[in-house]
Amino acid sequence: MITVNGDPLEHEEGLTVQGILEAKNYKFPLLIAFVNGKLVKREDYRTTVVPDGAVVQITHLMGGG
């Protein structure tokens, strides 16, 4: 089991950050992902495997003016 933005999510072997975004249906174009407090670069979302027990934080970036 992992935690995504405070909610539990069943862990699967080989689960990546991209897999979490798809499972949670997060489609906002500007997202930042942290796994256990460490920033994951956008280009690494498909290859960064999330370990069981991890705490994942997905943040939507908003701009304004």
PDB file of N, CA and C in Angstrom:
ATOM      1  N   MET A   1       0.848  -1.177   0.000  1.00  0.00           N
ATOM      2  CA  MET A   1       0.000   0.000   0.000  1.00  0.00           C
ATOM      3  C   MET A   1       0.891   1.238   0.000  1.00  0.00           C
ATOM      4  N   ILE A   2       0.522   2.224  -0.811  1.00  0.00           N
ATOM      5  CA  ILE A   2       1.200   3.512  -0.807  1.00  0.00           C
ATOM      6  C   ILE A   2       0.170   4.584  -0.456  1.00  0.00           C
ATOM      7  N   THR A   3       0.645   5.783  -0.203  1.00  0.00           N
ATOM      8  CA  THR A   3      -0.238   6.915   0.079  1.00  0.00           C
ATOM      9  C   THR A   3      -0.007   7.978  -0.987  1.00  0.00           C
ATOM     10  N   VAL A   4      -1.085   8.403  -1.629  1.00  0.00           N
ATOM     11  CA  VAL A   4      -1.008   9.433  -2.657  1.00  0.00           C
ATOM     12  C   VAL A   4      -1.882  10.601  -2.214  1.00  0.00           C
ATOM     13  N   ASN A   5      -1.247  11.728  -1.951  1.00  0.00           N
ATOM     14  CA  ASN A   5      -1.956  12.927  -1.481  1.00  0.00           C
ATOM     15  C   ASN A   5      -2.857  12.603  -0.289  1.00  0.00           C
ATOM     16  N   GLY A   6      -2.359  11.762   0.592  1.00  0.00           N
ATOM     17  CA  GLY A   6      -3.074  11.426   1.815  1.00  0.00           C
ATOM     18  C   GLY A   6      -4.053  10.264   1.697  1.00  0.00           C
ATOM     19  N   ASP A   7      -4.272   9.754   0.492  1.00  0.00           N
ATOM     20  CA  ASP A   7      -5.210   8.654   0.277  1.00  0.00           C
ATOM     21  C   ASP A   7      -4.457   7.362  -0.026  1.00  0.00           C
ATOM     22  N   PRO A   8      -4.932   6.228   0.507  1.00  0.00           N
ATOM     23  CA  PRO A   8      -4.267   4.960   0.225  1.00  0.00           C
ATOM     24  C   PRO A   8      -4.494   4.519  -1.222  1.00  0.00           C
ATOM     25  N   LEU A   9      -3.495   3.867  -1.786  1.00  0.00           N
ATOM     26  CA  LEU A   9      -3.583   3.290  -3.127  1.00  0.00           C
ATOM     27  C   LEU A   9      -2.867   1.949  -3.084  1.00  0.00           C
ATOM     28  N   GLU A  10      -3.523   0.937  -3.619  1.00  0.00           N
ATOM     29  CA  GLU A  10      -2.937  -0.407  -3.650  1.00  0.00           C
ATOM     30  C   GLU A  10      -1.646  -0.388  -4.462  1.00  0.00           C
ATOM     31  N   HIS A  11      -0.591  -0.969  -3.902  1.00  0.00           N
ATOM     32  CA  HIS A  11       0.704  -1.029  -4.580  1.00  0.00           C
ATOM     33  C   HIS A  11       0.754  -2.250  -5.479  1.00  0.00           C
ATOM     34  N   GLU A  12       1.326  -2.073  -6.666  1.00  0.00           N
ATOM     35  CA  GLU A  12       1.563  -3.170  -7.593  1.00  0.00           C
ATOM     36  C   GLU A  12       3.050  -3.193  -7.931  1.00  0.00           C
ATOM     37  N   GLU A  13       3.592  -4.359  -8.134  1.00  0.00           N
ATOM     38  CA  GLU A  13       4.997  -4.497  -8.513  1.00  0.00           C
ATOM     39  C   GLU A  13       5.269  -3.699  -9.781  1.00  0.00           C
ATOM     40  N   GLY A  14       6.310  -2.875  -9.777  1.00  0.00           N
ATOM     41  CA  GLY A  14       6.685  -2.089 -10.942  1.00  0.00           C
ATOM     42  C   GLY A  14       5.888  -0.814 -11.136  1.00  0.00           C
ATOM     43  N   LEU A  15       5.088  -0.430 -10.141  1.00  0.00           N
ATOM     44  CA  LEU A  15       4.285   0.786 -10.237  1.00  0.00           C
ATOM     45  C   LEU A  15       5.193   2.001 -10.387  1.00  0.00           C
ATOM     46  N   THR A  16       4.915   2.831 -11.382  1.00  0.00           N
ATOM     47  CA  THR A  16       5.706   4.038 -11.630  1.00  0.00           C
ATOM     48  C   THR A  16       4.889   5.280 -11.279  1.00  0.00           C
ATOM     49  N   VAL A  17       5.564   6.408 -11.270  1.00  0.00           N
ATOM     50  CA  VAL A  17       4.869   7.675 -11.040  1.00  0.00           C
ATOM     51  C   VAL A  17       3.812   7.871 -12.124  1.00  0.00           C
ATOM     52  N   GLN A  18       4.146   7.574 -13.382  1.00  0.00           N
ATOM     53  CA  GLN A  18       3.172   7.698 -14.470  1.00  0.00           C
ATOM     54  C   GLN A  18       1.971   6.794 -14.230  1.00  0.00           C
ATOM     55  N   GLY A  19       2.206   5.596 -13.727  1.00  0.00           N
ATOM     56  CA  GLY A  19       1.115   4.681 -13.407  1.00  0.00           C
ATOM     57  C   GLY A  19       0.188   5.236 -12.336  1.00  0.00           C
ATOM     58  N   ILE A  20       0.752   5.927 -11.375  1.00  0.00           N
ATOM     59  CA  ILE A  20      -0.060   6.557 -10.325  1.00  0.00           C
ATOM     60  C   ILE A  20      -0.909   7.669 -10.926  1.00  0.00           C
ATOM     61  N   LEU A  21      -0.312   8.496 -11.774  1.00  0.00           N
ATOM     62  CA  LEU A  21      -1.068   9.578 -12.412  1.00  0.00           C
ATOM     63  C   LEU A  21      -2.248   9.014 -13.199  1.00  0.00           C
ATOM     64  N   GLU A  22      -2.032   7.916 -13.891  1.00  0.00           N
ATOM     65  CA  GLU A  22      -3.099   7.288 -14.661  1.00  0.00           C
ATOM     66  C   GLU A  22      -4.150   6.660 -13.744  1.00  0.00           C
ATOM     67  N   ALA A  23      -3.714   5.996 -12.682  1.00  0.00           N
ATOM     68  CA  ALA A  23      -4.645   5.359 -11.748  1.00  0.00           C
ATOM     69  C   ALA A  23      -5.532   6.385 -11.049  1.00  0.00           C
ATOM     70  N   LYS A  24      -4.967   7.535 -10.740  1.00  0.00           N
ATOM     71  CA  LYS A  24      -5.714   8.591 -10.052  1.00  0.00           C
ATOM     72  C   LYS A  24      -6.409   9.539 -11.041  1.00  0.00           C
ATOM     73  N   ASN A  25      -6.220   9.293 -12.347  1.00  0.00           N
ATOM     74  CA  ASN A  25      -6.829  10.101 -13.396  1.00  0.00           C
ATOM     75  C   ASN A  25      -6.404  11.571 -13.313  1.00  0.00           C
ATOM     76  N   TYR A  26      -5.134  11.803 -12.987  1.00  0.00           N
ATOM     77  CA  TYR A  26      -4.583  13.151 -12.940  1.00  0.00           C
ATOM     78  C   TYR A  26      -4.105  13.510 -14.343  1.00  0.00           C
ATOM     79  N   LYS A  27      -4.758  14.486 -14.972  1.00  0.00           N
ATOM     80  CA  LYS A  27      -4.426  14.843 -16.350  1.00  0.00           C
ATOM     81  C   LYS A  27      -4.011  16.299 -16.509  1.00  0.00           C
ATOM     82  N   PHE A  28      -3.944  17.028 -15.405  1.00  0.00           N
ATOM     83  CA  PHE A  28      -3.542  18.426 -15.467  1.00  0.00           C
ATOM     84  C   PHE A  28      -2.146  18.502 -16.077  1.00  0.00           C
ATOM     85  N   PRO A  29      -1.905  19.436 -17.009  1.00  0.00           N
ATOM     86  CA  PRO A  29      -0.610  19.451 -17.714  1.00  0.00           C
ATOM     87  C   PRO A  29       0.597  19.825 -16.856  1.00  0.00           C
ATOM     88  N   LEU A  30       0.405  20.571 -15.787  1.00  0.00           N
ATOM     89  CA  LEU A  30       1.542  20.987 -14.962  1.00  0.00           C
ATOM     90  C   LEU A  30       1.459  20.328 -13.588  1.00  0.00           C
ATOM     91  N   LEU A  31       2.106  19.173 -13.467  1.00  0.00           N
ATOM     92  CA  LEU A  31       2.118  18.421 -12.217  1.00  0.00           C
ATOM     93  C   LEU A  31       3.544  18.273 -11.720  1.00  0.00           C
ATOM     94  N   ILE A  32       3.693  18.285 -10.417  1.00  0.00           N
ATOM     95  CA  ILE A  32       4.984  17.999  -9.784  1.00  0.00           C
ATOM     96  C   ILE A  32       4.769  16.794  -8.881  1.00  0.00           C
ATOM     97  N   ALA A  33       5.690  15.842  -8.949  1.00  0.00           N
ATOM     98  CA  ALA A  33       5.569  14.630  -8.144  1.00  0.00           C
ATOM     99  C   ALA A  33       6.748  14.504  -7.187  1.00  0.00           C
ATOM    100  N   PHE A  34       6.428  14.137  -5.952  1.00  0.00           N
ATOM    101  CA  PHE A  34       7.419  13.833  -4.933  1.00  0.00           C
ATOM    102  C   PHE A  34       7.172  12.414  -4.438  1.00  0.00           C
ATOM    103  N   VAL A  35       8.226  11.640  -4.312  1.00  0.00           N
ATOM    104  CA  VAL A  35       8.136  10.295  -3.737  1.00  0.00           C
ATOM    105  C   VAL A  35       9.023  10.286  -2.501  1.00  0.00           C
ATOM    106  N   ASN A  36       8.394  10.063  -1.359  1.00  0.00           N
ATOM    107  CA  ASN A  36       9.100  10.096  -0.075  1.00  0.00           C
ATOM    108  C   ASN A  36       9.894  11.393   0.090  1.00  0.00           C
ATOM    109  N   GLY A  37       9.269  12.503  -0.334  1.00  0.00           N
ATOM    110  CA  GLY A  37       9.870  13.816  -0.162  1.00  0.00           C
ATOM    111  C   GLY A  37      10.895  14.206  -1.208  1.00  0.00           C
ATOM    112  N   LYS A  38      11.170  13.316  -2.168  1.00  0.00           N
ATOM    113  CA  LYS A  38      12.164  13.606  -3.200  1.00  0.00           C
ATOM    114  C   LYS A  38      11.463  13.942  -4.516  1.00  0.00           C
ATOM    115  N   LEU A  39      11.845  15.086  -5.111  1.00  0.00           N
ATOM    116  CA  LEU A  39      11.273  15.517  -6.380  1.00  0.00           C
ATOM    117  C   LEU A  39      11.632  14.535  -7.485  1.00  0.00           C
ATOM    118  N   VAL A  40      10.625  14.176  -8.287  1.00  0.00           N
ATOM    119  CA  VAL A  40      10.846  13.321  -9.459  1.00  0.00           C
ATOM    120  C   VAL A  40      10.699  14.203 -10.694  1.00  0.00           C
ATOM    121  N   LYS A  41      11.701  14.206 -11.546  1.00  0.00           N
ATOM    122  CA  LYS A  41      11.650  15.004 -12.774  1.00  0.00           C
ATOM    123  C   LYS A  41      10.585  14.444 -13.710  1.00  0.00           C
ATOM    124  N   ARG A  42       9.915  15.342 -14.410  1.00  0.00           N
ATOM    125  CA  ARG A  42       8.843  14.946 -15.327  1.00  0.00           C
ATOM    126  C   ARG A  42       9.308  13.876 -16.325  1.00  0.00           C
ATOM    127  N   GLU A  43      10.524  14.012 -16.837  1.00  0.00           N
ATOM    128  CA  GLU A  43      11.015  13.042 -17.825  1.00  0.00           C
ATOM    129  C   GLU A  43      11.269  11.661 -17.211  1.00  0.00           C
ATOM    130  N   ASP A  44      11.253  11.581 -15.875  1.00  0.00           N
ATOM    131  CA  ASP A  44      11.482  10.301 -15.201  1.00  0.00           C
ATOM    132  C   ASP A  44      10.191   9.640 -14.694  1.00  0.00           C
ATOM    133  N   TYR A  45       9.024  10.238 -14.958  1.00  0.00           N
ATOM    134  CA  TYR A  45       7.766   9.693 -14.445  1.00  0.00           C
ATOM    135  C   TYR A  45       7.528   8.256 -14.910  1.00  0.00           C
ATOM    136  N   ARG A  46       7.867   7.953 -16.154  1.00  0.00           N
ATOM    137  CA  ARG A  46       7.606   6.602 -16.694  1.00  0.00           C
ATOM    138  C   ARG A  46       8.603   5.556 -16.196  1.00  0.00           C
ATOM    139  N   THR A  47       9.744   5.987 -15.697  1.00  0.00           N
ATOM    140  CA  THR A  47      10.774   5.027 -15.291  1.00  0.00           C
ATOM    141  C   THR A  47      10.999   4.969 -13.780  1.00  0.00           C
ATOM    142  N   THR A  48      10.440   5.919 -13.029  1.00  0.00           N
ATOM    143  CA  THR A  48      10.648   5.933 -11.583  1.00  0.00           C
ATOM    144  C   THR A  48       9.663   4.983 -10.919  1.00  0.00           C
ATOM    145  N   VAL A  49      10.186   3.885 -10.385  1.00  0.00           N
ATOM    146  CA  VAL A  49       9.360   2.888  -9.714  1.00  0.00           C
ATOM    147  C   VAL A  49       9.132   3.336  -8.273  1.00  0.00           C
ATOM    148  N   VAL A  50       7.879   3.266  -7.849  1.00  0.00           N
ATOM    149  CA  VAL A  50       7.495   3.697  -6.505  1.00  0.00           C
ATOM    150  C   VAL A  50       7.474   2.472  -5.592  1.00  0.00           C
ATOM    151  N   PRO A  51       8.253   2.493  -4.508  1.00  0.00           N
ATOM    152  CA  PRO A  51       8.303   1.326  -3.624  1.00  0.00           C
ATOM    153  C   PRO A  51       7.049   1.196  -2.757  1.00  0.00           C
ATOM    154  N   ASP A  52       6.770  -0.013  -2.347  1.00  0.00           N
ATOM    155  CA  ASP A  52       5.659  -0.258  -1.429  1.00  0.00           C
ATOM    156  C   ASP A  52       5.895   0.541  -0.147  1.00  0.00           C
ATOM    157  N   GLY A  53       4.847   1.145   0.378  1.00  0.00           N
ATOM    158  CA  GLY A  53       4.946   1.936   1.596  1.00  0.00           C
ATOM    159  C   GLY A  53       5.304   3.394   1.367  1.00  0.00           C
ATOM    160  N   ALA A  54       5.507   3.787   0.107  1.00  0.00           N
ATOM    161  CA  ALA A  54       5.931   5.154  -0.203  1.00  0.00           C
ATOM    162  C   ALA A  54       4.817   6.163   0.058  1.00  0.00           C
ATOM    163  N   VAL A  55       5.242   7.381   0.316  1.00  0.00           N
ATOM    164  CA  VAL A  55       4.334   8.522   0.423  1.00  0.00           C
ATOM    165  C   VAL A  55       4.574   9.375  -0.817  1.00  0.00           C
ATOM    166  N   VAL A  56       3.523   9.532  -1.610  1.00  0.00           N
ATOM    167  CA  VAL A  56       3.619  10.265  -2.871  1.00  0.00           C
ATOM    168  C   VAL A  56       2.762  11.518  -2.762  1.00  0.00           C
ATOM    169  N   GLN A  57       3.336  12.636  -3.198  1.00  0.00           N
ATOM    170  CA  GLN A  57       2.606  13.901  -3.213  1.00  0.00           C
ATOM    171  C   GLN A  57       2.608  14.410  -4.649  1.00  0.00           C
ATOM    172  N   ILE A  58       1.420  14.631  -5.189  1.00  0.00           N
ATOM    173  CA  ILE A  58       1.265  15.190  -6.528  1.00  0.00           C
ATOM    174  C   ILE A  58       0.675  16.587  -6.364  1.00  0.00           C
ATOM    175  N   THR A  59       1.351  17.583  -6.909  1.00  0.00           N
ATOM    176  CA  THR A  59       0.924  18.969  -6.767  1.00  0.00           C
ATOM    177  C   THR A  59       0.645  19.563  -8.135  1.00  0.00           C
ATOM    178  N   HIS A  60      -0.479  20.256  -8.260  1.00  0.00           N
ATOM    179  CA  HIS A  60      -0.833  20.972  -9.481  1.00  0.00           C
ATOM    180  C   HIS A  60      -0.231  22.372  -9.417  1.00  0.00           C
ATOM    181  N   LEU A  61       0.521  22.735 -10.442  1.00  0.00           N
ATOM    182  CA  LEU A  61       1.068  24.078 -10.530  1.00  0.00           C
ATOM    183  C   LEU A  61       0.037  25.002 -11.173  1.00  0.00           C
ATOM    184  N   MET A  62      -0.130  26.154 -10.601  1.00  0.00           N
ATOM    185  CA  MET A  62      -1.049  27.134 -11.154  1.00  0.00           C
ATOM    186  C   MET A  62      -0.281  28.437 -11.349  1.00  0.00           C
ATOM    187  N   GLY A  63      -0.582  29.113 -12.407  1.00  0.00           N
ATOM    188  CA  GLY A  63       0.045  30.398 -12.661  1.00  0.00           C
ATOM    189  C   GLY A  63      -1.031  31.476 -12.727  1.00  0.00           C
ATOM    190  N   GLY A  64      -0.630  32.654 -12.517  1.00  0.00           N
ATOM    191  CA  GLY A  64      -1.595  33.743 -12.588  1.00  0.00           C
ATOM    192  C   GLY A  64      -0.883  35.064 -12.798  1.00  0.00           C
ATOM    193  N   GLY A  65      -1.664  36.045 -12.966  1.00  0.00           N
ATOM    194  CA  GLY A  65      -1.005  37.303 -13.203  1.00  0.00           C
ATOM    195  C   GLY A  65      -1.900  38.477 -12.932  1.00  0.00           C
TER     196      GLY A  65
END
